[in-house]
Structures are given as structure tokens and as C-alpha cells.
């Protein structure tokens, strides 16, 4: 079962009854990961599901939500950031749904293990832009997710 964390979304300034959560799930594609440990060659899938609450969410048409996944190594491994945007229209019209999925895939080898394994800190940040393209007032983050990357498993058959 993949690791899941839920974080609270804030509005700045406080806007009526708008709020929500961001649920983050980290694991291998297919969901077979039992913890936050992968081998260097394995692909990693991170999903962030943003759920907005409150009646004011129905007035967020044409707003853009952005979730960025940042990863930082404990050691000399790579660091980086990936961002995804969703415009609240069509299938994501806030009059039709209150849930907005963001999916990130880190290919095998993107996070290196070093000689004996390495830990990475993952942080997801939620932001928004309004219909005028001004930075919006919906913010949130999930931090404190630690991922362990181990050296790749040697699958070379041994002579015997």
C-alpha cells in the first residue's frame, strides 16, 4: 500500500468558507510499494489530490491551480522541481467537482542512491492564479515526506 499524507489548504486572506485538503500518495506505479523505499532504477509515482470545500468554491471558475513537487537529497544527489497546472473549467469546473488530481512520475534513475543509499525530502506546494492571471489566494503544502533510494538490485544471473 502506498504511503499517504493529508495536509490542510489555507486561503490568504481568509475568504468566507473556502478551505480544503491536499492528499499526497507516494509509491511505485501499480501500488505495490509498502513503504517509502525504492531502488534506484524503479519509477516513482506521486499523486496529489486537492479537494476544495465551502460554497465559495463554486465561484472559482477559470481559476488555475498549480501543484509543484520538489525533491532534495540528503547528500550530493540531484534536486529539482516539477509543476502541474489545472484550469478550473470543463471537467474541472468547480460547479461539477471539488476534487482535482495532479500526478507526477519520476522515472527510474532520476533519484540516485549513491554508494550505500540516500534519503530525499519531498515537498508539494499548492498555489493558484485567478481568472486575471494574478497570483491567487489558495495555498497549501505537504512536507516531511522522506523517501529512501537504495542502490539498484543486480539481476545478473550468477554462474553456478
N, C-alpha and C. Protein backbone atom coordinates (compact mmCIF):
# COMPACT_ATOMS: atom_id res chain seq x y z
N UNK A 1 0.85 -1.18 0.00
CA UNK A 1 0.00 0.00 0.00
C UNK A 1 0.89 1.24 0.00
N UNK A 2 0.66 2.18 -0.91
CA UNK A 2 1.49 3.39 -0.94
C UNK A 2 1.30 4.24 0.31
N UNK A 3 2.30 5.04 0.60
CA UNK A 3 2.27 5.96 1.73
C UNK A 3 1.39 7.16 1.39
N UNK A 4 0.51 7.57 2.31
CA UNK A 4 -0.41 8.70 2.07
C UNK A 4 -0.31 9.69 3.21
N UNK A 5 -0.36 10.98 2.86
CA UNK A 5 -0.33 12.07 3.83
C UNK A 5 -1.39 13.09 3.42
N UNK A 6 -2.11 13.66 4.39
CA UNK A 6 -3.12 14.67 4.10
C UNK A 6 -2.73 15.97 4.79
N UNK A 7 -2.79 17.08 4.03
CA UNK A 7 -2.42 18.39 4.55
C UNK A 7 -3.58 19.36 4.33
N UNK A 8 -3.66 20.39 5.14
CA UNK A 8 -4.73 21.37 5.07
C UNK A 8 -4.36 22.49 4.11
N UNK A 9 -5.35 22.96 3.35
CA UNK A 9 -5.16 24.08 2.44
C UNK A 9 -5.58 25.36 3.14
N UNK A 10 -4.83 26.43 2.91
CA UNK A 10 -5.13 27.72 3.50
C UNK A 10 -5.59 28.70 2.43
N UNK A 11 -6.29 29.71 2.83
CA UNK A 11 -6.58 30.83 1.94
C UNK A 11 -6.01 32.08 2.60
N UNK A 12 -5.39 32.92 1.80
CA UNK A 12 -4.77 34.15 2.32
C UNK A 12 -5.19 35.29 1.41
N UNK A 13 -5.94 36.25 1.90
CA UNK A 13 -6.55 36.32 3.23
C UNK A 13 -7.69 35.31 3.36
N UNK A 14 -8.20 35.14 4.56
CA UNK A 14 -9.32 34.24 4.78
C UNK A 14 -10.48 34.67 3.90
N UNK A 15 -11.01 33.77 3.11
CA UNK A 15 -12.08 34.08 2.17
C UNK A 15 -13.31 33.26 2.54
N UNK A 16 -14.26 33.88 3.14
CA UNK A 16 -15.52 33.24 3.52
C UNK A 16 -15.28 31.85 4.06
N UNK A 17 -15.85 30.85 3.39
CA UNK A 17 -15.75 29.49 3.92
C UNK A 17 -14.87 28.59 3.06
N UNK A 18 -13.99 29.16 2.23
CA UNK A 18 -13.15 28.36 1.35
C UNK A 18 -12.04 27.68 2.14
N UNK A 19 -11.89 26.41 1.92
CA UNK A 19 -10.83 25.64 2.56
C UNK A 19 -10.60 24.37 1.77
N UNK A 20 -9.97 23.41 2.39
CA UNK A 20 -9.78 22.14 1.72
C UNK A 20 -8.59 21.36 2.22
N UNK A 21 -8.27 20.30 1.48
CA UNK A 21 -7.15 19.45 1.84
C UNK A 21 -6.38 19.09 0.57
N UNK A 22 -5.14 18.67 0.77
CA UNK A 22 -4.34 18.09 -0.30
C UNK A 22 -3.84 16.75 0.22
N UNK A 23 -4.27 15.67 -0.42
CA UNK A 23 -3.85 14.34 -0.03
C UNK A 23 -2.76 13.89 -1.00
N UNK A 24 -1.62 13.48 -0.45
CA UNK A 24 -0.47 13.09 -1.26
C UNK A 24 -0.21 11.60 -1.05
N UNK A 25 -0.08 10.88 -2.17
CA UNK A 25 0.23 9.46 -2.12
C UNK A 25 1.52 9.22 -2.89
N UNK A 26 2.45 8.50 -2.27
CA UNK A 26 3.74 8.21 -2.88
C UNK A 26 3.91 6.70 -2.94
N UNK A 27 4.28 6.19 -4.11
CA UNK A 27 4.51 4.76 -4.24
C UNK A 27 4.95 4.41 -5.64
N UNK A 28 5.18 3.15 -5.85
CA UNK A 28 5.52 2.66 -7.18
C UNK A 28 4.24 2.57 -8.01
N UNK A 29 4.34 2.76 -9.32
CA UNK A 29 3.15 2.56 -10.16
C UNK A 29 2.60 1.15 -9.93
N UNK A 30 1.29 1.04 -9.83
CA UNK A 30 0.67 -0.24 -9.52
C UNK A 30 0.39 -0.40 -8.04
N UNK A 31 0.98 0.48 -7.21
CA UNK A 31 0.67 0.49 -5.78
C UNK A 31 1.29 -0.63 -4.96
N UNK A 32 2.32 -1.33 -5.48
CA UNK A 32 2.86 -2.45 -4.73
C UNK A 32 3.86 -2.04 -3.64
N UNK A 33 4.18 -0.76 -3.52
CA UNK A 33 5.14 -0.31 -2.51
C UNK A 33 4.51 -0.37 -1.12
N UNK A 34 5.24 -0.91 -0.17
CA UNK A 34 4.72 -0.98 1.19
C UNK A 34 5.29 0.10 2.08
N UNK A 35 6.31 0.78 1.63
CA UNK A 35 6.88 1.87 2.40
C UNK A 35 7.51 2.85 1.41
N UNK A 36 8.20 3.82 1.92
CA UNK A 36 8.80 4.84 1.07
C UNK A 36 10.25 4.49 0.76
N UNK A 37 10.47 3.27 0.28
CA UNK A 37 11.79 2.81 -0.12
C UNK A 37 11.69 2.28 -1.54
N UNK A 38 12.57 2.78 -2.42
CA UNK A 38 12.63 2.29 -3.80
C UNK A 38 14.09 2.04 -4.15
N UNK A 39 14.30 1.27 -5.19
CA UNK A 39 15.64 1.07 -5.72
C UNK A 39 15.87 2.08 -6.83
N UNK A 40 17.13 2.41 -7.06
CA UNK A 40 17.50 3.49 -7.98
C UNK A 40 16.84 3.37 -9.35
N UNK A 41 16.67 2.21 -9.88
CA UNK A 41 16.10 2.04 -11.21
C UNK A 41 14.58 2.02 -11.26
N UNK A 42 13.91 2.10 -10.11
CA UNK A 42 12.45 2.00 -10.09
C UNK A 42 11.78 3.35 -10.30
N UNK A 43 10.67 3.31 -11.01
CA UNK A 43 9.86 4.50 -11.23
C UNK A 43 9.08 4.81 -9.95
N UNK A 44 8.84 6.09 -9.72
CA UNK A 44 8.11 6.53 -8.53
C UNK A 44 6.92 7.38 -8.98
N UNK A 45 5.76 7.12 -8.41
CA UNK A 45 4.55 7.86 -8.75
C UNK A 45 4.08 8.63 -7.52
N UNK A 46 3.84 9.94 -7.70
CA UNK A 46 3.34 10.79 -6.63
C UNK A 46 2.05 11.42 -7.12
N UNK A 47 0.98 11.25 -6.37
CA UNK A 47 -0.29 11.89 -6.72
C UNK A 47 -0.68 12.84 -5.60
N UNK A 48 -1.16 14.00 -6.00
CA UNK A 48 -1.69 14.98 -5.05
C UNK A 48 -3.14 15.23 -5.46
N UNK A 49 -4.05 14.96 -4.55
CA UNK A 49 -5.47 15.20 -4.81
C UNK A 49 -5.91 16.38 -3.97
N UNK A 50 -6.22 17.48 -4.65
CA UNK A 50 -6.67 18.69 -3.97
C UNK A 50 -8.19 18.65 -3.91
N UNK A 51 -8.74 18.82 -2.71
CA UNK A 51 -10.18 18.87 -2.51
C UNK A 51 -10.52 20.22 -1.88
N UNK A 52 -11.34 21.00 -2.58
CA UNK A 52 -11.77 22.30 -2.06
C UNK A 52 -13.12 22.15 -1.37
N UNK A 53 -13.28 22.87 -0.26
CA UNK A 53 -14.54 22.83 0.49
C UNK A 53 -15.10 24.24 0.62
N UNK A 54 -16.36 24.30 0.94
CA UNK A 54 -17.03 25.59 1.14
C UNK A 54 -17.80 26.01 -0.11
N UNK A 55 -18.85 26.79 0.11
CA UNK A 55 -19.70 27.22 -1.01
C UNK A 55 -18.99 28.16 -1.96
N UNK A 56 -18.03 28.92 -1.48
CA UNK A 56 -17.35 29.90 -2.34
C UNK A 56 -16.58 29.21 -3.47
N UNK A 57 -16.27 27.91 -3.33
CA UNK A 57 -15.51 27.21 -4.38
C UNK A 57 -16.25 27.24 -5.71
N UNK A 58 -17.59 27.34 -5.69
CA UNK A 58 -18.37 27.38 -6.93
C UNK A 58 -18.10 28.64 -7.75
N UNK A 59 -17.47 29.63 -7.16
CA UNK A 59 -17.18 30.89 -7.84
C UNK A 59 -15.73 30.95 -8.35
N UNK A 60 -15.04 29.84 -8.35
CA UNK A 60 -13.63 29.82 -8.76
C UNK A 60 -13.44 29.44 -10.22
N UNK A 61 -14.49 29.53 -11.04
CA UNK A 61 -14.36 29.20 -12.47
C UNK A 61 -13.22 30.00 -13.07
N UNK A 62 -12.49 29.38 -13.99
CA UNK A 62 -11.36 29.98 -14.70
C UNK A 62 -10.16 30.28 -13.79
N UNK A 63 -10.20 29.79 -12.58
CA UNK A 63 -9.03 29.86 -11.70
C UNK A 63 -8.10 28.73 -12.09
N UNK A 64 -6.81 28.94 -11.91
CA UNK A 64 -5.80 27.91 -12.17
C UNK A 64 -5.22 27.43 -10.85
N UNK A 65 -5.13 26.12 -10.67
CA UNK A 65 -4.44 25.55 -9.52
C UNK A 65 -3.12 24.95 -10.01
N UNK A 66 -2.09 25.11 -9.21
CA UNK A 66 -0.77 24.59 -9.55
C UNK A 66 -0.23 23.83 -8.35
N UNK A 67 0.26 22.62 -8.61
CA UNK A 67 0.96 21.86 -7.58
C UNK A 67 2.38 21.61 -8.09
N UNK A 68 3.36 21.91 -7.24
CA UNK A 68 4.76 21.66 -7.57
C UNK A 68 5.32 20.63 -6.61
N UNK A 69 6.01 19.65 -7.16
CA UNK A 69 6.71 18.64 -6.39
C UNK A 69 8.18 19.01 -6.40
N UNK A 70 8.75 19.22 -5.22
CA UNK A 70 10.18 19.49 -5.09
C UNK A 70 10.82 18.32 -4.37
N UNK A 71 12.03 17.97 -4.79
CA UNK A 71 12.76 16.91 -4.12
C UNK A 71 14.19 17.40 -3.86
N UNK A 72 14.69 17.04 -2.69
CA UNK A 72 16.00 17.48 -2.25
C UNK A 72 16.70 16.31 -1.57
N UNK A 73 17.95 16.10 -1.91
CA UNK A 73 18.68 14.96 -1.37
C UNK A 73 19.38 15.30 -0.07
N UNK A 74 19.59 14.27 0.72
CA UNK A 74 20.44 14.36 1.90
C UNK A 74 21.80 13.84 1.44
N UNK A 75 22.62 14.73 0.91
CA UNK A 75 23.89 14.34 0.31
C UNK A 75 24.02 14.99 -1.05
N UNK A 76 24.85 14.41 -1.90
CA UNK A 76 25.16 15.05 -3.17
C UNK A 76 24.27 14.59 -4.32
N UNK A 77 23.11 14.06 -4.03
CA UNK A 77 22.18 13.62 -5.07
C UNK A 77 21.49 14.79 -5.75
N UNK A 78 20.74 14.51 -6.82
CA UNK A 78 20.07 15.57 -7.56
C UNK A 78 18.93 16.20 -6.77
N UNK A 79 18.63 17.44 -7.14
CA UNK A 79 17.49 18.17 -6.58
C UNK A 79 16.71 18.72 -7.75
N UNK A 80 15.43 18.97 -7.57
CA UNK A 80 14.65 19.51 -8.66
C UNK A 80 13.22 19.79 -8.28
N UNK A 81 12.46 20.20 -9.30
CA UNK A 81 11.06 20.55 -9.09
C UNK A 81 10.29 20.28 -10.38
N UNK A 82 9.09 19.75 -10.23
CA UNK A 82 8.16 19.52 -11.33
C UNK A 82 6.84 20.18 -10.96
N UNK A 83 6.19 20.86 -11.92
CA UNK A 83 4.92 21.53 -11.64
C UNK A 83 3.86 21.11 -12.63
N UNK A 84 2.62 21.02 -12.17
CA UNK A 84 1.46 20.71 -12.99
C UNK A 84 0.38 21.76 -12.73
N UNK A 85 -0.33 22.15 -13.79
CA UNK A 85 -1.40 23.14 -13.70
C UNK A 85 -2.73 22.52 -14.13
N UNK A 86 -3.82 22.91 -13.47
CA UNK A 86 -5.18 22.55 -13.88
C UNK A 86 -6.01 23.83 -13.89
N UNK A 87 -6.70 24.08 -15.01
CA UNK A 87 -7.63 25.20 -15.06
C UNK A 87 -9.00 24.70 -14.65
N UNK A 88 -9.66 25.44 -13.76
CA UNK A 88 -10.95 25.02 -13.24
C UNK A 88 -12.05 25.38 -14.24
N UNK A 89 -12.13 24.54 -15.27
CA UNK A 89 -13.17 24.64 -16.29
C UNK A 89 -13.37 23.25 -16.88
N UNK A 90 -14.40 23.07 -17.71
CA UNK A 90 -14.66 21.77 -18.30
C UNK A 90 -14.88 20.71 -17.24
N UNK A 91 -14.14 19.59 -17.35
CA UNK A 91 -14.30 18.52 -16.36
C UNK A 91 -13.87 18.95 -14.96
N UNK A 92 -13.07 20.00 -14.87
CA UNK A 92 -12.63 20.50 -13.56
C UNK A 92 -13.40 21.75 -13.14
N UNK A 93 -14.55 22.01 -13.74
CA UNK A 93 -15.41 23.13 -13.35
C UNK A 93 -15.80 22.94 -11.89
N UNK A 94 -15.58 23.94 -11.04
CA UNK A 94 -15.89 23.77 -9.62
C UNK A 94 -17.39 23.62 -9.33
N UNK A 95 -18.24 23.82 -10.33
CA UNK A 95 -19.66 23.54 -10.14
C UNK A 95 -19.95 22.05 -10.34
N UNK A 96 -19.00 21.33 -10.97
CA UNK A 96 -19.16 19.90 -11.22
C UNK A 96 -18.40 19.03 -10.23
N UNK A 97 -17.26 19.51 -9.78
CA UNK A 97 -16.41 18.69 -8.91
C UNK A 97 -15.70 19.57 -7.89
N UNK A 98 -15.29 18.96 -6.80
CA UNK A 98 -14.49 19.67 -5.80
C UNK A 98 -13.13 19.02 -5.63
N UNK A 99 -12.81 18.03 -6.51
CA UNK A 99 -11.58 17.26 -6.40
C UNK A 99 -10.76 17.40 -7.67
N UNK A 100 -9.46 17.69 -7.50
CA UNK A 100 -8.59 17.98 -8.63
C UNK A 100 -7.30 17.17 -8.47
N UNK A 101 -7.06 16.20 -9.39
CA UNK A 101 -5.89 15.32 -9.27
C UNK A 101 -4.66 15.85 -10.01
N UNK A 102 -3.51 15.70 -9.40
CA UNK A 102 -2.22 16.04 -10.00
C UNK A 102 -1.34 14.80 -9.89
N UNK A 103 -0.71 14.39 -10.98
CA UNK A 103 0.11 13.17 -10.97
C UNK A 103 1.51 13.48 -11.48
N UNK A 104 2.50 13.01 -10.73
CA UNK A 104 3.90 13.18 -11.10
C UNK A 104 4.53 11.79 -11.19
N UNK A 105 5.37 11.59 -12.19
CA UNK A 105 6.12 10.35 -12.32
C UNK A 105 7.60 10.68 -12.39
N UNK A 106 8.36 10.13 -11.46
CA UNK A 106 9.81 10.27 -11.50
C UNK A 106 10.35 8.97 -12.08
N UNK A 107 10.98 9.04 -13.27
CA UNK A 107 11.49 7.82 -13.89
C UNK A 107 12.61 7.19 -13.07
N UNK A 108 12.80 5.89 -13.26
CA UNK A 108 13.89 5.20 -12.60
C UNK A 108 15.22 5.87 -12.93
N UNK A 109 16.07 6.05 -11.95
CA UNK A 109 17.36 6.70 -12.15
C UNK A 109 17.34 8.20 -11.93
N UNK A 110 16.17 8.81 -11.83
CA UNK A 110 16.08 10.26 -11.59
C UNK A 110 16.63 10.61 -10.21
N UNK A 111 16.31 9.78 -9.22
CA UNK A 111 16.85 9.94 -7.87
C UNK A 111 17.93 8.89 -7.68
N UNK A 112 19.15 9.34 -7.44
CA UNK A 112 20.27 8.41 -7.32
C UNK A 112 20.47 7.97 -5.88
N UNK A 113 21.06 6.78 -5.73
CA UNK A 113 21.24 6.22 -4.40
C UNK A 113 22.62 6.47 -3.81
N UNK A 114 23.56 6.85 -4.65
CA UNK A 114 24.92 6.91 -4.15
C UNK A 114 25.42 5.51 -3.88
N UNK A 115 26.50 5.41 -3.15
CA UNK A 115 27.14 4.12 -2.91
C UNK A 115 26.34 3.20 -1.99
N UNK A 116 25.70 3.77 -0.96
CA UNK A 116 25.04 2.91 0.02
C UNK A 116 23.60 3.31 0.33
N UNK A 117 23.00 4.12 -0.52
CA UNK A 117 21.62 4.56 -0.29
C UNK A 117 21.58 6.03 0.08
N UNK A 118 20.47 6.66 -0.20
CA UNK A 118 20.35 8.10 0.06
C UNK A 118 18.89 8.42 0.36
N UNK A 119 18.67 9.39 1.23
CA UNK A 119 17.32 9.84 1.53
C UNK A 119 17.04 11.15 0.81
N UNK A 120 15.77 11.31 0.44
CA UNK A 120 15.29 12.52 -0.21
C UNK A 120 14.10 13.05 0.57
N UNK A 121 14.02 14.36 0.66
CA UNK A 121 12.85 15.02 1.24
C UNK A 121 11.97 15.47 0.08
N UNK A 122 10.68 15.14 0.15
CA UNK A 122 9.72 15.56 -0.85
C UNK A 122 8.82 16.62 -0.24
N UNK A 123 8.50 17.63 -1.03
CA UNK A 123 7.60 18.69 -0.58
C UNK A 123 6.69 19.03 -1.75
N UNK A 124 5.39 19.12 -1.50
CA UNK A 124 4.44 19.53 -2.53
C UNK A 124 3.81 20.84 -2.11
N UNK A 125 3.77 21.78 -3.04
CA UNK A 125 3.23 23.11 -2.76
C UNK A 125 2.07 23.37 -3.71
N UNK A 126 0.97 23.89 -3.18
CA UNK A 126 -0.21 24.26 -3.96
C UNK A 126 -0.28 25.77 -4.04
N UNK A 127 -0.53 26.27 -5.23
CA UNK A 127 -0.75 27.71 -5.43
C UNK A 127 -1.87 27.89 -6.44
N UNK A 128 -2.21 29.15 -6.74
CA UNK A 128 -3.30 29.41 -7.68
C UNK A 128 -3.10 30.74 -8.37
N UNK A 129 -3.78 30.87 -9.51
CA UNK A 129 -3.89 32.15 -10.22
C UNK A 129 -5.36 32.37 -10.52
N UNK A 130 -5.83 33.60 -10.38
CA UNK A 130 -7.23 33.86 -10.65
C UNK A 130 -7.46 34.05 -12.14
N UNK A 131 -8.70 34.36 -12.51
CA UNK A 131 -9.05 34.48 -13.93
C UNK A 131 -8.33 35.64 -14.62
N UNK A 132 -7.77 36.57 -13.86
CA UNK A 132 -6.99 37.68 -14.44
C UNK A 132 -5.50 37.36 -14.47
N UNK A 133 -5.15 36.14 -14.13
CA UNK A 133 -3.77 35.64 -14.11
C UNK A 133 -2.93 36.25 -12.98
N UNK A 134 -3.60 36.80 -11.96
CA UNK A 134 -2.88 37.29 -10.78
C UNK A 134 -2.72 36.12 -9.81
N UNK A 135 -1.60 36.11 -9.10
CA UNK A 135 -1.39 35.05 -8.12
C UNK A 135 -2.57 35.03 -7.17
N UNK A 136 -3.15 33.86 -7.02
CA UNK A 136 -4.37 33.72 -6.24
C UNK A 136 -4.16 33.64 -4.75
N UNK A 137 -5.19 33.18 -4.09
CA UNK A 137 -5.20 33.19 -2.63
C UNK A 137 -5.32 31.79 -2.05
N UNK A 138 -5.19 30.76 -2.87
CA UNK A 138 -5.27 29.38 -2.38
C UNK A 138 -3.85 28.85 -2.26
N UNK A 139 -3.47 28.45 -1.06
CA UNK A 139 -2.11 27.97 -0.80
C UNK A 139 -2.16 26.72 0.07
N UNK A 140 -1.14 25.92 -0.05
CA UNK A 140 -1.02 24.76 0.82
C UNK A 140 0.29 24.06 0.54
N UNK A 141 0.68 23.20 1.45
CA UNK A 141 1.88 22.42 1.21
C UNK A 141 1.84 21.16 2.06
N UNK A 142 2.51 20.15 1.57
CA UNK A 142 2.75 18.92 2.32
C UNK A 142 4.25 18.72 2.32
N UNK A 143 4.82 18.69 3.49
CA UNK A 143 6.26 18.48 3.61
C UNK A 143 6.50 17.42 4.67
N UNK A 144 7.73 17.01 4.76
CA UNK A 144 8.05 15.98 5.76
C UNK A 144 7.91 14.57 5.21
N UNK A 145 7.87 14.44 3.88
CA UNK A 145 7.82 13.12 3.27
C UNK A 145 9.27 12.70 2.97
N UNK A 146 9.72 11.62 3.59
CA UNK A 146 11.09 11.14 3.38
C UNK A 146 11.06 9.86 2.57
N UNK A 147 11.84 9.85 1.50
CA UNK A 147 11.94 8.71 0.60
C UNK A 147 13.36 8.17 0.65
N UNK A 148 13.51 6.87 0.79
CA UNK A 148 14.82 6.23 0.78
C UNK A 148 15.04 5.57 -0.58
N UNK A 149 16.17 5.89 -1.22
CA UNK A 149 16.54 5.29 -2.50
C UNK A 149 17.75 4.41 -2.26
N UNK A 150 17.59 3.12 -2.57
CA UNK A 150 18.66 2.14 -2.39
C UNK A 150 19.32 1.86 -3.73
N UNK A 151 20.56 1.37 -3.73
CA UNK A 151 21.21 1.00 -5.00
C UNK A 151 20.34 0.00 -5.76
N UNK A 152 20.46 0.05 -7.09
CA UNK A 152 19.70 -0.86 -7.94
C UNK A 152 20.00 -2.31 -7.59
N UNK A 153 19.01 -3.15 -7.74
CA UNK A 153 19.18 -4.57 -7.47
C UNK A 153 19.86 -5.21 -8.68
N UNK A 154 20.92 -5.96 -8.43
CA UNK A 154 21.63 -6.65 -9.51
C UNK A 154 20.85 -7.89 -9.90
N UNK A 155 20.35 -7.92 -11.14
CA UNK A 155 19.56 -9.06 -11.60
C UNK A 155 20.35 -9.97 -12.53
N UNK A 156 21.67 -9.77 -12.56
CA UNK A 156 22.53 -10.60 -13.41
C UNK A 156 22.60 -12.01 -12.80
N UNK A 157 22.30 -13.03 -13.59
CA UNK A 157 22.39 -14.39 -13.05
C UNK A 157 23.84 -14.75 -12.71
N UNK A 158 24.02 -15.48 -11.65
CA UNK A 158 25.35 -15.91 -11.26
C UNK A 158 25.63 -17.30 -11.82
N UNK A 159 26.87 -17.50 -12.19
CA UNK A 159 27.26 -18.84 -12.71
C UNK A 159 27.29 -19.81 -11.56
N UNK A 160 26.88 -20.99 -11.79
CA UNK A 160 26.91 -21.89 -10.67
C UNK A 160 26.66 -23.25 -10.98
